[in-house]
Amino acid sequence: MRRRKLLMGLDGEYMVIGIKDLAKLFAITIVSCCAVFVCSLFLNYNIDVADIKNAITTEQGLVMYDALVASGKVTAGVSGGCLVITTIIMLIFYIKNYIDSHGKELGILKALGWSRLNIAKHFWIFGMSVFAGTLLGYIGAMAYMPIFYEMQNAEELFPQLSPQLHFGLAILLILLPTLFFMLLSVAYAYLKMKNPVLHLLKEVQRVKVKSSKCENEDLPFLADLRKSTVRSRKIVVFFVSFSAFCFSAMTQMSMSMKDLASESFAWMIISIGLILAFMTLLMSLTSVIKANTKTIAMMKVFGYSQKECSHSILNGYRPISYIGFAVGTIYQYVLLRIMVDIVFANLSDMPEYNFDYKALIVSLVAFVLSYELILYCYSKKIGRQSVKSIMLE
C-alpha cells in the first residue's frame, strides 16, 4: 500500500482514514493550543484572585482588582472566541477536502449499503486534533503559570497569589471543546454525505456560480484565471486574510504595549501571533497549489512560464493579505484603547496610549518581506512540479 492506514472499526465494520490525512490537522492543533494557553492563564488567575477580594483593603487595590478581572475576561473572550471560530472553519475546511478527495471510497461504501450516519460517525477522529491542541495548551499554560503570576503580583496592591490547579477549568478547556468538535465533525460529515452515490464516485463537487452583469467576458486568460482562483475558494480567502490579521495585530500590539504590560507578556503575544500567522498562511497556499495542480500542468503544456503560472495562481491573494493587515492594525488599536480608556480607566498611574506609527512601519516592513519571501518559495515550488508527476496523481 502507498501509505499507512488507520483502521477504525465497530462490530466488524471499518473505515479507512490515512495517517497522512490526520497529519494535515496539525494547524488545528496549533490554533487550539494557542487558544487554551491564553484562556488558561487569564481564567485561572481570575479564579484565584476572586478568593482574595475580601482581603483587599485599599481603594486603589479594589480598582486594580476590578481592572485585572475585566482585563482577563476581555482577553480570554476576544482571543479565545476568535481562535474558536478559526478552529471551526479549519475543521470544516479539512473535512470537506477529505470528502472531496476520497469521494470514490466513500461512494463505494454508500453503494455497499452503509448509511450516511454509519459513515459520518467515523469522522470523530478529526476532533482528536483539538484534544491534542487543548491538552498541549493547558500543559504549557500550567508550566508558564508561575511566571505569569509573578508578573501579575508585581503591582503589590493586594496579597500575593500563587497558582492553584482548578479541575473544573481543565474540563471546560479540554474535555468540552474536544466533545464539541467531535460532534461537529460527525454532523458536518453527515451533511456532506447527502450527495448521491454517483456524485461521490465521480467526485463531482457542487459549486455555486453567481453571474455578474458587470463581469468582463473579454478578460485576458491569465487575469480571469487569477480572479476565478480566488472566487472558487472563499475559505482560503479567509485564512489568507486571517494570517495577515494575526501578524499585524499581534506584532503591533506587542510593540505598542511596552508601557502597558511586561516584556514577557509582549513576547507571549507576538509569539502566538506569528505562529498563527505563518501556520494559516502556509496551510492556505499549500491548499491553493494542490487544488490547481492540473491547471498548472495544462498551463505548462501550453508554454506558460513559471512566473505566469505562479502569478495566476497566487497573486490574487496579495491584495487580500494587505486588507487583512489593515484590519489587524485597526483591531489592535481599538482593543488597546478599550483596555486603557475603559478597563483601566480608574487607575491613577496608567500611562497615556496613542497610536504607535513606529510599530506600524516595523510590522509592515516585516510583513512585506516575509510574505513576499513565502510567495517566492511557493512560486519556485510551482516551477519544480513536472507535468508528468502532476498528471500521474
Protein backbone atom coordinates (compact mmCIF):
# COMPACT_ATOMS: atom_id res chain seq x y z
CA MET A 1 0.00 0.00 0.00
CA ARG A 2 1.20 3.51 -0.76
CA ARG A 3 0.68 4.83 2.76
CA ARG A 4 -0.01 3.61 6.26
CA LYS A 5 -3.67 3.44 7.22
CA LEU A 6 -5.57 3.91 10.43
CA LEU A 7 -8.46 1.47 10.74
CA MET A 8 -11.43 2.42 12.86
CA GLY A 9 -13.97 -0.31 13.36
CA LEU A 10 -17.20 -1.14 15.14
CA ASP A 11 -18.89 -4.57 15.06
CA GLY A 12 -16.65 -5.72 12.26
CA GLU A 13 -17.22 -2.63 10.11
CA TYR A 14 -14.31 -0.35 9.33
CA MET A 15 -13.47 2.80 7.51
CA VAL A 16 -10.02 3.82 6.32
CA ILE A 17 -8.53 7.24 7.07
CA GLY A 18 -4.89 7.77 6.19
CA ILE A 19 -2.33 8.80 8.77
CA LYS A 20 -1.26 11.38 6.19
CA ASP A 21 -4.77 12.85 6.28
CA LEU A 22 -4.67 13.21 10.06
CA ALA A 23 -1.22 14.82 9.92
CA LYS A 24 -2.75 17.67 7.93
CA LEU A 25 -4.75 18.64 11.03
CA PHE A 26 -1.57 19.92 12.68
CA ALA A 27 -2.70 23.50 12.05
CA ILE A 28 -5.87 22.88 14.07
CA THR A 29 -3.77 21.51 16.91
CA ILE A 30 -1.62 24.65 16.92
CA VAL A 31 -4.60 27.05 16.86
CA SER A 32 -6.46 25.24 19.65
CA CYS A 33 -3.22 25.07 21.66
CA CYS A 34 -2.81 28.85 21.46
CA ALA A 35 -6.46 29.43 22.41
CA VAL A 36 -6.30 27.26 25.51
CA PHE A 37 -2.88 28.60 26.51
CA VAL A 38 -4.16 32.19 26.66
CA CYS A 39 -7.53 31.35 28.21
CA SER A 40 -5.97 29.10 30.87
CA LEU A 41 -3.63 31.83 32.10
CA PHE A 42 -6.23 34.56 32.47
CA LEU A 43 -9.17 32.45 33.64
CA ASN A 44 -7.06 30.60 36.21
CA TYR A 45 -5.78 33.91 37.55
CA ASN A 46 -9.32 35.33 37.70
CA ILE A 47 -10.48 32.34 39.74
CA ASP A 48 -7.58 32.68 42.18
CA VAL A 49 -7.81 36.45 42.56
CA ALA A 50 -11.54 36.19 43.35
CA ASP A 51 -10.67 34.31 46.56
CA ILE A 52 -8.73 37.26 47.99
CA LYS A 53 -11.13 40.06 47.10
CA ASN A 54 -12.25 40.40 50.72
CA ALA A 55 -8.62 40.77 51.82
CA ILE A 56 -8.11 43.87 49.68
CA THR A 57 -8.34 46.94 51.94
CA THR A 58 -7.19 49.86 49.79
CA GLU A 59 -9.33 51.68 47.25
CA GLN A 60 -6.56 51.54 44.68
CA GLY A 61 -6.30 47.81 45.27
CA LEU A 62 -10.04 47.34 44.60
CA VAL A 63 -9.74 49.40 41.43
CA MET A 64 -6.80 47.26 40.32
CA TYR A 65 -8.75 44.11 41.18
CA ASP A 66 -11.71 45.13 39.02
CA ALA A 67 -9.38 46.13 36.18
CA LEU A 68 -7.46 42.83 36.25
CA VAL A 69 -10.64 40.75 36.32
CA ALA A 70 -12.13 42.74 33.43
CA SER A 71 -8.85 42.51 31.52
CA GLY A 72 -8.77 38.73 31.95
CA LYS A 73 -12.35 38.37 30.73
CA VAL A 74 -11.76 40.60 27.70
CA THR A 75 -8.50 38.87 26.75
CA ALA A 76 -9.90 35.35 27.16
CA GLY A 77 -13.15 36.25 25.41
CA VAL A 78 -11.64 38.08 22.44
CA SER A 79 -8.65 35.80 21.81
CA GLY A 80 -10.43 32.58 22.74
CA GLY A 81 -13.55 33.42 20.74
CA CYS A 82 -11.56 34.42 17.67
CA LEU A 83 -9.47 31.25 17.77
CA VAL A 84 -12.50 29.02 18.34
CA ILE A 85 -14.17 30.44 15.22
CA THR A 86 -10.93 29.89 13.30
CA THR A 87 -10.73 26.28 14.53
CA ILE A 88 -14.31 25.61 13.42
CA ILE A 89 -13.60 26.96 9.94
CA MET A 90 -10.36 24.97 9.73
CA LEU A 91 -12.06 21.75 10.77
CA ILE A 92 -14.83 22.19 8.21
CA PHE A 93 -12.19 23.00 5.60
CA TYR A 94 -10.25 19.79 6.25
CA ILE A 95 -13.33 17.55 6.41
CA LYS A 96 -14.62 18.99 3.14
CA ASN A 97 -11.23 18.44 1.50
CA TYR A 98 -11.12 14.86 2.79
CA ILE A 99 -14.59 14.03 1.48
CA ASP A 100 -13.90 15.71 -1.87
CA SER A 101 -10.61 13.87 -2.34
CA HIS A 102 -11.97 10.49 -1.15
CA GLY A 103 -15.31 10.61 -2.92
CA LYS A 104 -14.79 7.29 -4.68
CA GLU A 105 -14.04 5.36 -1.49
CA LEU A 106 -16.97 6.94 0.34
CA GLY A 107 -19.24 6.39 -2.66
CA ILE A 108 -18.33 2.70 -2.69
CA LEU A 109 -19.23 2.43 0.99
CA LYS A 110 -22.63 4.02 0.32
CA ALA A 111 -23.13 1.71 -2.64
CA LEU A 112 -22.39 -1.27 -0.36
CA GLY A 113 -25.21 -0.21 1.94
CA TRP A 114 -23.50 2.00 4.51
CA SER A 115 -25.82 4.72 5.77
CA ARG A 116 -24.82 8.39 5.99
CA LEU A 117 -24.67 8.20 9.78
CA ASN A 118 -22.66 4.98 9.71
CA ILE A 119 -20.01 6.68 7.57
CA ALA A 120 -20.15 10.07 9.30
CA LYS A 121 -19.70 8.67 12.81
CA HIS A 122 -16.13 7.68 11.99
CA PHE A 123 -15.18 11.33 11.47
CA TRP A 124 -14.99 11.80 15.25
CA ILE A 125 -11.27 11.17 14.82
CA PHE A 126 -10.88 14.64 13.31
CA GLY A 127 -11.86 16.12 16.67
CA MET A 128 -8.84 14.47 18.28
CA SER A 129 -6.66 17.18 16.75
CA VAL A 130 -8.48 19.62 19.03
CA PHE A 131 -7.90 17.35 22.03
CA ALA A 132 -4.17 17.26 21.30
CA GLY A 133 -4.06 21.04 20.96
CA THR A 134 -6.11 21.84 24.06
CA LEU A 135 -4.10 19.38 26.15
CA LEU A 136 -0.77 20.84 24.99
CA GLY A 137 -2.07 24.38 25.53
CA TYR A 138 -3.23 23.59 29.07
CA ILE A 139 0.03 21.86 29.98
CA GLY A 140 2.02 24.78 28.54
CA ALA A 141 -0.09 27.27 30.49
CA MET A 142 0.46 25.35 33.73
CA ALA A 143 4.20 25.40 33.11
CA TYR A 144 4.18 29.15 32.38
CA MET A 145 1.72 29.95 35.18
CA PRO A 146 4.33 30.78 37.93
CA ILE A 147 5.98 33.36 35.66
CA PHE A 148 2.60 34.82 34.72
CA TYR A 149 1.56 35.13 38.38
CA GLU A 150 4.86 36.76 39.23
CA MET A 151 4.19 39.42 36.61
CA GLN A 152 0.67 39.98 37.96
CA ASN A 153 1.95 40.17 41.55
CA ALA A 154 4.44 42.91 40.65
CA GLU A 155 1.85 45.62 41.28
CA GLU A 156 1.80 44.76 45.03
CA LEU A 157 -1.62 46.36 45.50
CA PHE A 158 -3.13 43.27 47.11
CA PRO A 159 -1.92 39.99 48.67
CA GLN A 160 0.47 37.93 46.58
CA LEU A 161 -1.01 34.97 44.71
CA SER A 162 0.37 31.55 43.84
CA PRO A 163 -1.20 29.48 41.08
CA GLN A 164 -3.76 26.85 42.07
CA LEU A 165 -4.98 23.99 39.89
CA HIS A 166 -8.69 24.02 39.09
CA PHE A 167 -10.08 20.74 37.81
CA GLY A 168 -13.23 22.42 36.50
CA LEU A 169 -11.16 24.71 34.28
CA ALA A 170 -9.41 21.71 32.74
CA ILE A 171 -12.79 20.17 31.91
CA LEU A 172 -14.00 23.48 30.45
CA LEU A 173 -10.94 24.00 28.26
CA ILE A 174 -10.03 20.42 27.28
CA LEU A 175 -12.91 17.98 27.57
CA LEU A 176 -15.82 20.16 26.45
CA PRO A 177 -14.08 21.60 23.33
CA THR A 178 -12.98 18.09 22.34
CA LEU A 179 -16.52 16.72 22.60
CA PHE A 180 -17.91 19.74 20.76
CA PHE A 181 -15.51 19.39 17.83
CA MET A 182 -16.01 15.62 17.64
CA LEU A 183 -19.76 16.15 17.36
CA LEU A 184 -19.22 18.97 14.86
CA SER A 185 -17.04 16.68 12.72
CA VAL A 186 -19.69 13.96 12.66
CA ALA A 187 -22.51 16.43 11.99
CA TYR A 188 -20.72 18.17 9.12
CA ALA A 189 -19.64 14.86 7.56
CA TYR A 190 -23.25 13.67 7.81
CA LEU A 191 -24.44 16.74 5.89
CA LYS A 192 -21.73 16.36 3.26
CA MET A 193 -22.55 12.69 2.76
CA LYS A 194 -26.04 13.52 1.44
CA ASN A 195 -24.54 13.76 -2.05
CA PRO A 196 -25.79 10.99 -4.38
CA VAL A 197 -23.60 7.92 -4.75
CA LEU A 198 -22.83 8.67 -8.39
CA HIS A 199 -21.64 12.17 -7.48
CA LEU A 200 -19.29 10.71 -4.88
CA LEU A 201 -17.99 8.04 -7.26
CA LYS A 202 -17.35 10.64 -9.98
CA GLU A 203 -16.03 13.10 -7.36
CA VAL A 204 -18.49 15.73 -8.53
CA GLN A 205 -18.37 18.83 -6.34
CA ARG A 206 -21.27 21.23 -6.06
CA VAL A 207 -20.11 24.71 -6.84
CA LYS A 208 -22.41 27.71 -6.80
CA VAL A 209 -21.56 30.14 -9.54
CA LYS A 210 -23.01 33.64 -9.37
CA SER A 211 -23.31 35.50 -12.60
CA SER A 212 -22.44 39.16 -12.59
CA LYS A 213 -23.71 41.73 -15.07
CA CYS A 214 -20.51 43.71 -14.74
CA GLU A 215 -18.28 40.70 -15.39
CA ASN A 216 -15.98 41.25 -18.33
CA GLU A 217 -16.25 38.29 -20.68
CA ASP A 218 -13.23 39.52 -22.66
CA LEU A 219 -10.91 39.43 -19.64
CA PRO A 220 -7.48 38.01 -20.59
CA PHE A 221 -6.99 34.35 -19.69
CA LEU A 222 -4.34 34.89 -17.00
CA ALA A 223 -6.32 37.68 -15.33
CA ASP A 224 -9.52 35.64 -15.47
CA LEU A 225 -7.73 32.61 -14.01
CA ARG A 226 -6.35 34.71 -11.17
CA LYS A 227 -9.82 36.07 -10.42
CA SER A 228 -11.58 32.70 -10.62
CA THR A 229 -8.94 31.03 -8.41
CA VAL A 230 -9.76 33.44 -5.61
CA ARG A 231 -13.55 33.27 -6.08
CA SER A 232 -13.65 29.47 -6.16
CA ARG A 233 -12.02 29.03 -2.73
CA LYS A 234 -13.56 31.59 -0.41
CA ILE A 235 -12.44 29.74 2.72
CA VAL A 236 -8.82 30.18 1.62
CA VAL A 237 -9.51 33.90 1.27
CA PHE A 238 -10.49 33.90 4.94
CA PHE A 239 -7.33 32.08 6.01
CA VAL A 240 -5.02 34.37 3.99
CA SER A 241 -6.66 37.48 5.42
CA PHE A 242 -6.67 35.98 8.92
CA SER A 243 -2.96 35.22 8.62
CA ALA A 244 -2.19 38.84 7.79
CA PHE A 245 -4.60 39.98 10.51
CA CYS A 246 -2.76 37.94 13.16
CA PHE A 247 0.64 39.15 12.01
CA SER A 248 -0.43 42.80 12.00
CA ALA A 249 -2.44 42.82 15.23
CA MET A 250 -0.10 40.77 17.40
CA THR A 251 3.20 42.31 16.31
CA GLN A 252 1.95 45.90 16.63
CA MET A 253 0.18 45.15 19.92
CA SER A 254 3.30 43.62 21.43
CA MET A 255 5.41 46.64 20.44
CA SER A 256 2.77 49.21 21.45
CA MET A 257 2.16 47.79 24.93
CA LYS A 258 5.75 48.19 26.19
CA ASP A 259 4.48 50.77 28.71
CA LEU A 260 1.19 48.98 29.40
CA ALA A 261 2.43 45.49 30.30
CA SER A 262 5.56 43.49 30.99
CA GLU A 263 8.13 42.47 28.39
CA SER A 264 7.33 38.78 28.96
CA PHE A 265 3.67 39.39 28.18
CA ALA A 266 4.61 41.21 24.98
CA TRP A 267 6.79 38.28 23.88
CA MET A 268 3.94 35.86 24.58
CA ILE A 269 1.58 37.92 22.41
CA ILE A 270 3.96 38.21 19.46
CA SER A 271 4.92 34.51 19.62
CA ILE A 272 1.30 33.37 19.44
CA GLY A 273 0.57 35.85 16.66
CA LEU A 274 3.49 34.75 14.48
CA ILE A 275 2.70 31.05 14.96
CA LEU A 276 -0.91 31.56 13.91
CA ALA A 277 0.03 33.84 11.02
CA PHE A 278 2.58 31.52 9.42
CA MET A 279 0.64 28.31 10.09
CA THR A 280 -2.54 29.57 8.43
CA LEU A 281 -0.68 31.17 5.51
CA LEU A 282 1.36 28.05 4.71
CA MET A 283 -1.74 25.88 5.01
CA SER A 284 -3.67 28.20 2.66
CA LEU A 285 -1.04 28.43 -0.06
CA THR A 286 -0.38 24.69 0.04
CA SER A 287 -4.11 24.08 -0.41
CA VAL A 288 -4.29 26.52 -3.34
CA ILE A 289 -1.43 24.86 -5.21
CA LYS A 290 -2.76 21.37 -4.58
CA ALA A 291 -6.21 22.34 -5.83
CA ASN A 292 -4.74 23.80 -9.04
CA THR A 293 -2.17 21.13 -9.93
CA LYS A 294 -3.99 20.13 -13.12
CA THR A 295 -4.39 23.77 -14.13
CA ILE A 296 -0.66 24.30 -13.61
CA ALA A 297 0.10 21.21 -15.70
CA MET A 298 -2.06 22.41 -18.59
CA MET A 299 -0.51 25.87 -18.47
CA LYS A 300 2.97 24.34 -18.68
CA VAL A 301 1.86 22.18 -21.61
CA PHE A 302 0.71 25.31 -23.45
CA GLY A 303 4.04 27.03 -22.84
CA TYR A 304 3.31 29.38 -19.94
CA SER A 305 6.34 30.25 -17.83
CA GLN A 306 6.80 29.61 -14.11
CA LYS A 307 6.27 33.32 -13.43
CA GLU A 308 2.99 33.39 -15.34
CA CYS A 309 1.76 30.24 -13.59
CA SER A 310 2.61 31.48 -10.11
CA HIS A 311 1.17 34.95 -10.75
CA SER A 312 -2.11 33.49 -11.98
CA ILE A 313 -2.49 31.09 -9.04
CA LEU A 314 -1.05 33.11 -6.15
CA ASN A 315 -1.16 36.82 -6.96
CA GLY A 316 -4.90 37.13 -6.45
CA TYR A 317 -4.37 36.67 -2.71
CA ARG A 318 -1.87 39.52 -2.36
CA PRO A 319 -4.43 42.37 -2.04
CA ILE A 320 -6.47 40.23 0.35
CA SER A 321 -3.47 39.86 2.64
CA TYR A 322 -2.91 43.62 2.76
CA ILE A 323 -6.57 44.19 3.57
CA GLY A 324 -6.17 41.71 6.44
CA PHE A 325 -3.10 43.61 7.61
CA ALA A 326 -5.04 46.89 7.63
CA VAL A 327 -7.91 45.34 9.59
CA GLY A 328 -5.43 43.92 12.11
CA THR A 329 -3.91 47.37 12.57
CA ILE A 330 -7.29 48.90 13.34
CA TYR A 331 -8.25 45.99 15.60
CA GLN A 332 -5.17 46.20 17.84
CA TYR A 333 -5.54 49.96 18.21
CA VAL A 334 -9.22 49.74 19.15
CA LEU A 335 -8.56 46.88 21.59
CA LEU A 336 -5.75 48.74 23.37
CA ARG A 337 -7.86 51.91 23.52
CA ILE A 338 -10.64 49.92 25.17
CA MET A 339 -8.17 48.48 27.69
CA VAL A 340 -6.72 51.92 28.53
CA ASP A 341 -9.86 54.08 28.37
CA ILE A 342 -12.40 51.65 29.83
CA VAL A 343 -10.88 48.66 31.62
CA PHE A 344 -8.00 50.52 33.32
CA ALA A 345 -9.61 53.99 33.25
CA ASN A 346 -9.70 54.34 37.07
CA LEU A 347 -6.02 53.59 37.61
CA SER A 348 -4.17 56.78 38.53
CA ASP A 349 -0.77 55.72 37.18
CA MET A 350 -1.99 54.35 33.83
CA PRO A 351 0.22 55.75 31.04
CA GLU A 352 -1.33 57.52 28.07
CA TYR A 353 -1.66 55.45 24.90
CA ASN A 354 -1.53 56.81 21.35
CA PHE A 355 -1.27 55.08 18.00
CA ASP A 356 2.27 53.76 17.53
CA TYR A 357 3.34 54.68 13.98
CA LYS A 358 6.81 53.23 14.52
CA ALA A 359 5.29 49.85 15.37
CA LEU A 360 3.15 50.08 12.23
CA ILE A 361 6.16 50.73 9.99
CA VAL A 362 8.26 47.95 11.55
CA SER A 363 5.37 45.49 11.35
CA LEU A 364 4.52 46.42 7.76
CA VAL A 365 8.12 46.07 6.56
CA ALA A 366 8.47 42.70 8.32
CA PHE A 367 5.15 41.55 6.86
CA VAL A 368 6.02 42.54 3.30
CA LEU A 369 9.42 40.86 3.45
CA SER A 370 8.15 37.61 5.00
CA TYR A 371 5.01 37.41 2.85
CA GLU A 372 6.85 38.06 -0.40
CA LEU A 373 9.55 35.54 0.57
CA ILE A 374 6.91 32.87 1.18
CA LEU A 375 5.22 33.66 -2.15
CA TYR A 376 8.61 33.41 -3.86
CA CYS A 377 9.24 29.98 -2.30
CA TYR A 378 5.82 28.72 -3.41
CA SER A 379 6.45 30.14 -6.87
CA LYS A 380 9.62 28.06 -7.05
CA LYS A 381 7.62 25.08 -5.84
CA ILE A 382 5.25 25.53 -8.77
CA GLY A 383 8.22 25.69 -11.12
CA ARG A 384 9.65 22.43 -9.77
CA GLN A 385 6.47 20.48 -10.43
CA SER A 386 6.81 18.42 -13.58
CA VAL A 387 3.86 17.86 -15.90
CA LYS A 388 4.33 14.07 -15.71
CA SER A 389 4.19 13.94 -11.91
CA ILE A 390 1.09 16.15 -11.84
CA MET A 391 -0.82 14.14 -14.43
CA LEU A 392 0.01 10.86 -12.68
CA GLU A 393 -1.58 11.98 -9.40
